[in-house]
All heavy atoms as atom14 arrays in JSON, in Angstrom:
{
  "sequence": "TSSSGGSTNYADSVKGRFTISRDNAKNTVYLRLNSLKPE",
  "atom14_mask": [
    [1, 1, 1, 1, 1, 1, 1, 0, 0, 0, 0, 0, 0, 0],
    [1, 1, 1, 1, 1, 1, 0, 0, 0, 0, 0, 0, 0, 0],
    [1, 1, 1, 1, 1, 1, 0, 0, 0, 0, 0, 0, 0, 0],
    [1, 1, 1, 1, 1, 1, 0, 0, 0, 0, 0, 0, 0, 0],
    [1, 1, 1, 1, 0, 0, 0, 0, 0, 0, 0, 0, 0, 0],
    [1, 1, 1, 1, 0, 0, 0, 0, 0, 0, 0, 0, 0, 0],
    [1, 1, 1, 1, 1, 1, 0, 0, 0, 0, 0, 0, 0, 0],
    [1, 1, 1, 1, 1, 1, 1, 0, 0, 0, 0, 0, 0, 0],
    [1, 1, 1, 1, 1, 1, 1, 1, 0, 0, 0, 0, 0, 0],
    [1, 1, 1, 1, 1, 1, 1, 1, 1, 1, 1, 1, 0, 0],
    [1, 1, 1, 1, 1, 0, 0, 0, 0, 0, 0, 0, 0, 0],
    [1, 1, 1, 1, 1, 1, 1, 1, 0, 0, 0, 0, 0, 0],
    [1, 1, 1, 1, 1, 1, 0, 0, 0, 0, 0, 0, 0, 0],
    [1, 1, 1, 1, 1, 1, 1, 0, 0, 0, 0, 0, 0, 0],
    [1, 1, 1, 1, 1, 1, 1, 1, 1, 0, 0, 0, 0, 0],
    [1, 1, 1, 1, 0, 0, 0, 0, 0, 0, 0, 0, 0, 0],
    [1, 1, 1, 1, 1, 1, 1, 1, 1, 1, 1, 0, 0, 0],
    [1, 1, 1, 1, 1, 1, 1, 1, 1, 1, 1, 0, 0, 0],
    [1, 1, 1, 1, 1, 1, 1, 0, 0, 0, 0, 0, 0, 0],
    [1, 1, 1, 1, 1, 1, 1, 1, 0, 0, 0, 0, 0, 0],
    [1, 1, 1, 1, 1, 1, 0, 0, 0, 0, 0, 0, 0, 0],
    [1, 1, 1, 1, 1, 1, 1, 1, 1, 1, 1, 0, 0, 0],
    [1, 1, 1, 1, 1, 1, 1, 1, 0, 0, 0, 0, 0, 0],
    [1, 1, 1, 1, 1, 1, 1, 1, 0, 0, 0, 0, 0, 0],
    [1, 1, 1, 1, 1, 0, 0, 0, 0, 0, 0, 0, 0, 0],
    [1, 1, 1, 1, 1, 1, 1, 1, 1, 0, 0, 0, 0, 0],
    [1, 1, 1, 1, 1, 1, 1, 1, 0, 0, 0, 0, 0, 0],
    [1, 1, 1, 1, 1, 1, 1, 0, 0, 0, 0, 0, 0, 0],
    [1, 1, 1, 1, 1, 1, 1, 0, 0, 0, 0, 0, 0, 0],
    [1, 1, 1, 1, 1, 1, 1, 1, 1, 1, 1, 1, 0, 0],
    [1, 1, 1, 1, 1, 1, 1, 1, 0, 0, 0, 0, 0, 0],
    [1, 1, 1, 1, 1, 1, 1, 1, 1, 1, 1, 0, 0, 0],
    [1, 1, 1, 1, 1, 1, 1, 1, 0, 0, 0, 0, 0, 0],
    [1, 1, 1, 1, 1, 1, 1, 1, 0, 0, 0, 0, 0, 0],
    [1, 1, 1, 1, 1, 1, 0, 0, 0, 0, 0, 0, 0, 0],
    [1, 1, 1, 1, 1, 1, 1, 1, 0, 0, 0, 0, 0, 0],
    [1, 1, 1, 1, 1, 1, 1, 1, 1, 0, 0, 0, 0, 0],
    [1, 1, 1, 1, 1, 1, 1, 0, 0, 0, 0, 0, 0, 0],
    [1, 1, 1, 1, 1, 1, 1, 1, 1, 0, 0, 0, 0, 0]
  ],
  "atom14_positions": [
    [[11.82, -38.53, 11.26], [12.8, -39.28, 12.03], [13.98, -38.38, 12.36], [14.26, -37.41, 11.66], [13.32, -40.53, 11.29], [13.98, -40.14, 10.08], [12.18, -41.48, 10.98], [0.0, 0.0, 0.0], [0.0, 0.0, 0.0], [0.0, 0.0, 0.0], [0.0, 0.0, 0.0], [0.0, 0.0, 0.0], [0.0, 0.0, 0.0], [0.0, 0.0, 0.0]],
    [[14.66, -38.75, 13.43], [15.87, -38.05, 13.85], [16.89, -39.09, 14.29], [16.63, -39.88, 15.21], [15.56, -37.08, 14.99], [16.75, -36.46, 15.47], [0.0, 0.0, 0.0], [0.0, 0.0, 0.0], [0.0, 0.0, 0.0], [0.0, 0.0, 0.0], [0.0, 0.0, 0.0], [0.0, 0.0, 0.0], [0.0, 0.0, 0.0], [0.0, 0.0, 0.0]],
    [[18.04, -39.1, 13.66], [19.09, -40.03, 14.02], [19.77, -39.59, 15.3], [19.58, -38.48, 15.79], [20.11, -40.14, 12.89], [20.93, -38.98, 12.83], [0.0, 0.0, 0.0], [0.0, 0.0, 0.0], [0.0, 0.0, 0.0], [0.0, 0.0, 0.0], [0.0, 0.0, 0.0], [0.0, 0.0, 0.0], [0.0, 0.0, 0.0], [0.0, 0.0, 0.0]],
    [[20.59, -40.48, 15.83], [21.3, -40.15, 17.06], [22.23, -38.96, 16.88], [22.51, -38.25, 17.85], [22.1, -41.37, 17.54], [23.03, -41.8, 16.56], [0.0, 0.0, 0.0], [0.0, 0.0, 0.0], [0.0, 0.0, 0.0], [0.0, 0.0, 0.0], [0.0, 0.0, 0.0], [0.0, 0.0, 0.0], [0.0, 0.0, 0.0], [0.0, 0.0, 0.0]],
    [[22.69, -38.74, 15.66], [23.54, -37.61, 15.37], [22.79, -36.35, 14.98], [23.41, -35.31, 14.75], [0.0, 0.0, 0.0], [0.0, 0.0, 0.0], [0.0, 0.0, 0.0], [0.0, 0.0, 0.0], [0.0, 0.0, 0.0], [0.0, 0.0, 0.0], [0.0, 0.0, 0.0], [0.0, 0.0, 0.0], [0.0, 0.0, 0.0], [0.0, 0.0, 0.0]],
    [[21.46, -36.44, 14.89], [20.66, -35.27, 14.61], [20.19, -35.12, 13.17], [19.5, -34.14, 12.86], [0.0, 0.0, 0.0], [0.0, 0.0, 0.0], [0.0, 0.0, 0.0], [0.0, 0.0, 0.0], [0.0, 0.0, 0.0], [0.0, 0.0, 0.0], [0.0, 0.0, 0.0], [0.0, 0.0, 0.0], [0.0, 0.0, 0.0], [0.0, 0.0, 0.0]],
    [[20.54, -36.05, 12.29], [20.04, -35.99, 10.93], [18.54, -36.24, 10.93], [18.05, -37.11, 11.65], [20.74, -37.01, 10.05], [22.12, -36.74, 9.97], [0.0, 0.0, 0.0], [0.0, 0.0, 0.0], [0.0, 0.0, 0.0], [0.0, 0.0, 0.0], [0.0, 0.0, 0.0], [0.0, 0.0, 0.0], [0.0, 0.0, 0.0], [0.0, 0.0, 0.0]],
    [[17.82, -35.52, 10.1], [16.36, -35.61, 10.1], [15.82, -35.93, 8.72], [16.44, -35.63, 7.7], [15.72, -34.3, 10.58], [16.14, -33.22, 9.73], [16.15, -33.99, 12.01], [0.0, 0.0, 0.0], [0.0, 0.0, 0.0], [0.0, 0.0, 0.0], [0.0, 0.0, 0.0], [0.0, 0.0, 0.0], [0.0, 0.0, 0.0], [0.0, 0.0, 0.0]],
    [[14.66, -36.56, 8.71], [13.92, -36.84, 7.49], [12.44, -36.6, 7.76], [11.96, -36.82, 8.88], [14.14, -38.28, 7.02], [15.5, -38.48, 6.41], [15.78, -38.01, 5.31], [16.38, -39.18, 7.12], [0.0, 0.0, 0.0], [0.0, 0.0, 0.0], [0.0, 0.0, 0.0], [0.0, 0.0, 0.0], [0.0, 0.0, 0.0], [0.0, 0.0, 0.0]],
    [[11.72, -36.18, 6.72], [10.32, -35.86, 6.85], [9.51, -36.44, 5.71], [9.99, -36.56, 4.58], [10.1, -34.34, 6.85], [10.75, -33.62, 8.0], [12.04, -33.12, 7.89], [10.08, -33.44, 9.2], [12.65, -32.46, 8.94], [10.68, -32.79, 10.26], [11.96, -32.3, 10.13], [12.56, -31.64, 11.18], [0.0, 0.0, 0.0], [0.0, 0.0, 0.0]],
    [[8.28, -36.79, 6.03], [7.35, -37.14, 4.98], [7.05, -35.91, 4.14], [7.04, -34.78, 4.64], [6.06, -37.69, 5.58], [0.0, 0.0, 0.0], [0.0, 0.0, 0.0], [0.0, 0.0, 0.0], [0.0, 0.0, 0.0], [0.0, 0.0, 0.0], [0.0, 0.0, 0.0], [0.0, 0.0, 0.0], [0.0, 0.0, 0.0], [0.0, 0.0, 0.0]],
    [[6.8, -36.12, 2.85], [6.53, -35.0, 1.97], [5.34, -34.17, 2.44], [5.32, -32.95, 2.27], [6.28, -35.49, 0.55], [7.54, -35.99, -0.13], [8.65, -35.65, 0.33], [7.42, -36.72, -1.13], [0.0, 0.0, 0.0], [0.0, 0.0, 0.0], [0.0, 0.0, 0.0], [0.0, 0.0, 0.0], [0.0, 0.0, 0.0], [0.0, 0.0, 0.0]],
    [[4.37, -34.82, 3.04], [3.15, -34.15, 3.44], [3.36, -33.16, 4.59], [2.52, -32.27, 4.79], [2.08, -35.16, 3.84], [2.53, -35.97, 4.91], [0.0, 0.0, 0.0], [0.0, 0.0, 0.0], [0.0, 0.0, 0.0], [0.0, 0.0, 0.0], [0.0, 0.0, 0.0], [0.0, 0.0, 0.0], [0.0, 0.0, 0.0], [0.0, 0.0, 0.0]],
    [[4.45, -33.29, 5.32], [4.68, -32.41, 6.46], [5.93, -31.57, 6.31], [6.18, -30.68, 7.14], [4.76, -33.2, 7.78], [3.54, -34.08, 7.95], [6.04, -34.03, 7.85], [0.0, 0.0, 0.0], [0.0, 0.0, 0.0], [0.0, 0.0, 0.0], [0.0, 0.0, 0.0], [0.0, 0.0, 0.0], [0.0, 0.0, 0.0], [0.0, 0.0, 0.0]],
    [[6.69, -31.82, 5.27], [7.94, -31.09, 5.07], [7.68, -29.59, 4.98], [6.79, -29.14, 4.25], [8.63, -31.59, 3.81], [10.05, -31.07, 3.64], [10.72, -31.71, 2.42], [12.15, -31.24, 2.26], [12.79, -31.87, 1.08], [0.0, 0.0, 0.0], [0.0, 0.0, 0.0], [0.0, 0.0, 0.0], [0.0, 0.0, 0.0], [0.0, 0.0, 0.0]],
    [[8.44, -28.83, 5.72], [8.27, -27.39, 5.76], [7.31, -26.91, 6.81], [7.25, -25.7, 7.08], [0.0, 0.0, 0.0], [0.0, 0.0, 0.0], [0.0, 0.0, 0.0], [0.0, 0.0, 0.0], [0.0, 0.0, 0.0], [0.0, 0.0, 0.0], [0.0, 0.0, 0.0], [0.0, 0.0, 0.0], [0.0, 0.0, 0.0], [0.0, 0.0, 0.0]],
    [[6.54, -27.83, 7.4], [5.58, -27.46, 8.43], [5.93, -28.04, 9.8], [5.69, -27.4, 10.81], [4.17, -27.91, 8.04], [3.66, -27.28, 6.76], [2.18, -27.61, 6.54], [1.96, -29.04, 6.37], [1.17, -29.77, 7.15], [0.52, -29.22, 8.16], [1.01, -31.07, 6.91], [0.0, 0.0, 0.0], [0.0, 0.0, 0.0], [0.0, 0.0, 0.0]],
    [[6.47, -29.25, 9.81], [6.8, -29.92, 11.06], [8.31, -29.93, 11.26], [9.08, -29.97, 10.29], [6.31, -31.37, 11.06], [4.82, -31.55, 11.07], [3.96, -30.48, 10.96], [4.28, -32.83, 11.17], [2.58, -30.66, 10.96], [2.91, -33.02, 11.18], [2.06, -31.93, 11.07], [0.0, 0.0, 0.0], [0.0, 0.0, 0.0], [0.0, 0.0, 0.0]],
    [[8.72, -29.93, 12.51], [10.14, -29.99, 12.85], [10.36, -30.99, 13.96], [9.74, -30.89, 15.02], [10.67, -28.62, 13.29], [10.43, -27.64, 12.27], [12.17, -28.69, 13.56], [0.0, 0.0, 0.0], [0.0, 0.0, 0.0], [0.0, 0.0, 0.0], [0.0, 0.0, 0.0], [0.0, 0.0, 0.0], [0.0, 0.0, 0.0], [0.0, 0.0, 0.0]],
    [[11.24, -31.95, 13.72], [11.61, -32.91, 14.74], [12.93, -32.48, 15.37], [13.83, -31.99, 14.68], [11.7, -34.35, 14.18], [11.87, -35.37, 15.31], [12.81, -34.48, 13.16], [11.73, -36.82, 14.85], [0.0, 0.0, 0.0], [0.0, 0.0, 0.0], [0.0, 0.0, 0.0], [0.0, 0.0, 0.0], [0.0, 0.0, 0.0], [0.0, 0.0, 0.0]],
    [[13.04, -32.65, 16.67], [14.27, -32.34, 17.37], [14.41, -33.27, 18.56], [13.46, -33.98, 18.92], [14.29, -30.87, 17.82], [13.23, -30.6, 18.72], [0.0, 0.0, 0.0], [0.0, 0.0, 0.0], [0.0, 0.0, 0.0], [0.0, 0.0, 0.0], [0.0, 0.0, 0.0], [0.0, 0.0, 0.0], [0.0, 0.0, 0.0], [0.0, 0.0, 0.0]],
    [[15.57, -33.29, 19.15], [15.77, -34.16, 20.31], [16.74, -33.54, 21.28], [17.61, -32.75, 20.92], [16.26, -35.55, 19.86], [17.62, -35.56, 19.19], [17.85, -36.88, 18.47], [18.01, -38.0, 19.39], [17.99, -39.28, 19.03], [17.8, -39.62, 17.76], [18.16, -40.23, 19.95], [0.0, 0.0, 0.0], [0.0, 0.0, 0.0], [0.0, 0.0, 0.0]],
    [[16.57, -33.92, 22.53], [17.46, -33.54, 23.6], [17.99, -34.83, 24.19], [17.32, -35.5, 24.97], [16.72, -32.71, 24.66], [17.64, -32.17, 25.73], [18.72, -32.74, 25.96], [17.28, -31.14, 26.34], [0.0, 0.0, 0.0], [0.0, 0.0, 0.0], [0.0, 0.0, 0.0], [0.0, 0.0, 0.0], [0.0, 0.0, 0.0], [0.0, 0.0, 0.0]],
    [[19.19, -35.2, 23.78], [19.74, -36.48, 24.19], [19.97, -36.56, 25.7], [19.88, -37.64, 26.29], [21.03, -36.77, 23.44], [20.81, -37.04, 21.97], [19.8, -37.63, 21.58], [21.75, -36.62, 21.13], [0.0, 0.0, 0.0], [0.0, 0.0, 0.0], [0.0, 0.0, 0.0], [0.0, 0.0, 0.0], [0.0, 0.0, 0.0], [0.0, 0.0, 0.0]],
    [[20.29, -35.45, 26.32], [20.49, -35.45, 27.76], [19.22, -35.78, 28.52], [19.26, -36.3, 29.63], [21.03, -34.09, 28.22], [0.0, 0.0, 0.0], [0.0, 0.0, 0.0], [0.0, 0.0, 0.0], [0.0, 0.0, 0.0], [0.0, 0.0, 0.0], [0.0, 0.0, 0.0], [0.0, 0.0, 0.0], [0.0, 0.0, 0.0], [0.0, 0.0, 0.0]],
    [[18.08, -35.47, 27.91], [16.79, -35.75, 28.52], [16.12, -36.99, 27.94], [15.01, -37.34, 28.36], [15.85, -34.56, 28.36], [16.31, -33.3, 29.06], [15.32, -32.17, 28.84], [15.75, -30.9, 29.56], [14.8, -29.78, 29.33], [0.0, 0.0, 0.0], [0.0, 0.0, 0.0], [0.0, 0.0, 0.0], [0.0, 0.0, 0.0], [0.0, 0.0, 0.0]],
    [[16.78, -37.65, 26.99], [16.18, -38.8, 26.31], [14.79, -38.47, 25.78], [13.85, -39.25, 25.91], [16.12, -40.02, 27.23], [17.48, -40.67, 27.42], [18.33, -40.63, 26.53], [17.68, -41.29, 28.58], [0.0, 0.0, 0.0], [0.0, 0.0, 0.0], [0.0, 0.0, 0.0], [0.0, 0.0, 0.0], [0.0, 0.0, 0.0], [0.0, 0.0, 0.0]],
    [[14.68, -37.31, 25.17], [13.4, -36.81, 24.73], [13.47, -36.36, 23.27], [14.45, -35.74, 22.85], [12.94, -35.63, 25.6], [12.82, -36.08, 26.97], [11.59, -35.1, 25.15], [0.0, 0.0, 0.0], [0.0, 0.0, 0.0], [0.0, 0.0, 0.0], [0.0, 0.0, 0.0], [0.0, 0.0, 0.0], [0.0, 0.0, 0.0], [0.0, 0.0, 0.0]],
    [[12.43, -36.67, 22.53], [12.3, -36.21, 21.16], [11.03, -35.37, 21.07], [10.04, -35.64, 21.75], [12.27, -37.39, 20.16], [11.06, -38.28, 20.39], [12.32, -36.88, 18.73], [0.0, 0.0, 0.0], [0.0, 0.0, 0.0], [0.0, 0.0, 0.0], [0.0, 0.0, 0.0], [0.0, 0.0, 0.0], [0.0, 0.0, 0.0], [0.0, 0.0, 0.0]],
    [[11.08, -34.34, 20.24], [9.98, -33.41, 20.09], [9.52, -33.36, 18.64], [10.27, -33.66, 17.71], [10.39, -32.0, 20.51], [10.98, -31.91, 21.89], [12.35, -31.99, 22.09], [10.16, -31.73, 23.0], [12.9, -31.9, 23.35], [10.7, -31.64, 24.27], [12.06, -31.72, 24.45], [12.6, -31.63, 25.7], [0.0, 0.0, 0.0], [0.0, 0.0, 0.0]],
    [[8.29, -32.97, 18.46], [7.77, -32.69, 17.14], [6.97, -31.4, 17.21], [5.97, -31.33, 17.93], [6.88, -33.82, 16.62], [6.41, -33.67, 15.17], [7.58, -33.82, 14.2], [5.31, -34.68, 14.84], [0.0, 0.0, 0.0], [0.0, 0.0, 0.0], [0.0, 0.0, 0.0], [0.0, 0.0, 0.0], [0.0, 0.0, 0.0], [0.0, 0.0, 0.0]],
    [[7.43, -30.39, 16.49], [6.72, -29.13, 16.39], [5.86, -29.17, 15.13], [6.37, -29.39, 14.04], [7.7, -27.96, 16.32], [7.05, -26.6, 16.17], [6.31, -26.2, 17.43], [5.72, -24.88, 17.32], [5.0, -24.29, 18.26], [4.78, -24.92, 19.41], [4.5, -23.08, 18.06], [0.0, 0.0, 0.0], [0.0, 0.0, 0.0], [0.0, 0.0, 0.0]],
    [[4.58, -28.99, 15.31], [3.62, -29.04, 14.22], [3.09, -27.63, 13.98], [2.35, -27.1, 14.8], [2.46, -29.98, 14.52], [2.75, -31.47, 14.8], [3.27, -31.68, 16.22], [1.48, -32.29, 14.61], [0.0, 0.0, 0.0], [0.0, 0.0, 0.0], [0.0, 0.0, 0.0], [0.0, 0.0, 0.0], [0.0, 0.0, 0.0], [0.0, 0.0, 0.0]],
    [[3.48, -27.04, 12.88], [3.02, -25.72, 12.5], [2.08, -25.81, 11.3], [2.07, -26.79, 10.57], [4.2, -24.81, 12.15], [5.04, -24.44, 13.33], [4.56, -24.35, 14.46], [6.33, -24.18, 13.09], [0.0, 0.0, 0.0], [0.0, 0.0, 0.0], [0.0, 0.0, 0.0], [0.0, 0.0, 0.0], [0.0, 0.0, 0.0], [0.0, 0.0, 0.0]],
    [[1.32, -24.75, 11.1], [0.42, -24.64, 9.96], [-0.43, -25.9, 9.8], [-0.54, -26.47, 8.72], [1.22, -24.38, 8.68], [1.99, -23.2, 8.79], [0.0, 0.0, 0.0], [0.0, 0.0, 0.0], [0.0, 0.0, 0.0], [0.0, 0.0, 0.0], [0.0, 0.0, 0.0], [0.0, 0.0, 0.0], [0.0, 0.0, 0.0], [0.0, 0.0, 0.0]],
    [[-1.04, -26.3, 10.88], [-1.77, -27.56, 10.9], [-2.98, -27.52, 9.97], [-3.65, -26.5, 9.83], [-2.2, -27.9, 12.31], [-1.09, -28.49, 13.18], [-1.44, -28.39, 14.65], [-0.83, -29.94, 12.78], [0.0, 0.0, 0.0], [0.0, 0.0, 0.0], [0.0, 0.0, 0.0], [0.0, 0.0, 0.0], [0.0, 0.0, 0.0], [0.0, 0.0, 0.0]],
    [[-3.23, -28.66, 9.36], [-4.35, -28.85, 8.45], [-5.26, -29.95, 9.0], [-4.8, -30.81, 9.74], [-3.85, -29.26, 7.06], [-2.83, -28.31, 6.45], [-2.28, -28.88, 5.15], [-1.25, -27.97, 4.54], [-0.69, -28.54, 3.28], [0.0, 0.0, 0.0], [0.0, 0.0, 0.0], [0.0, 0.0, 0.0], [0.0, 0.0, 0.0], [0.0, 0.0, 0.0]],
    [[-6.53, -29.94, 8.63], [-7.42, -31.01, 9.09], [-6.89, -32.4, 8.75], [-7.11, -33.34, 9.54], [-8.73, -30.72, 8.36], [-8.72, -29.24, 8.18], [-7.28, -28.89, 7.9], [0.0, 0.0, 0.0], [0.0, 0.0, 0.0], [0.0, 0.0, 0.0], [0.0, 0.0, 0.0], [0.0, 0.0, 0.0], [0.0, 0.0, 0.0], [0.0, 0.0, 0.0]],
    [[-6.22, -32.57, 7.64], [-5.69, -33.87, 7.27], [-4.54, -34.33, 8.14], [-4.08, -35.47, 8.03], [-5.27, -33.89, 5.79], [-4.37, -32.74, 5.38], [-5.11, -31.6, 4.72], [-6.17, -31.2, 5.23], [-4.63, -31.1, 3.67], [0.0, 0.0, 0.0], [0.0, 0.0, 0.0], [0.0, 0.0, 0.0], [0.0, 0.0, 0.0], [0.0, 0.0, 0.0]]
  ]
}
């Protein structure tokens, strides 16, 4: 999750691998998924 102010939280299973970000001017949120696993 990403709050309107940019604070983020992650599930333990993805912490350190995924990154959430947002561009408020574009009303867009992103999720970068690195080191992907089959699960």
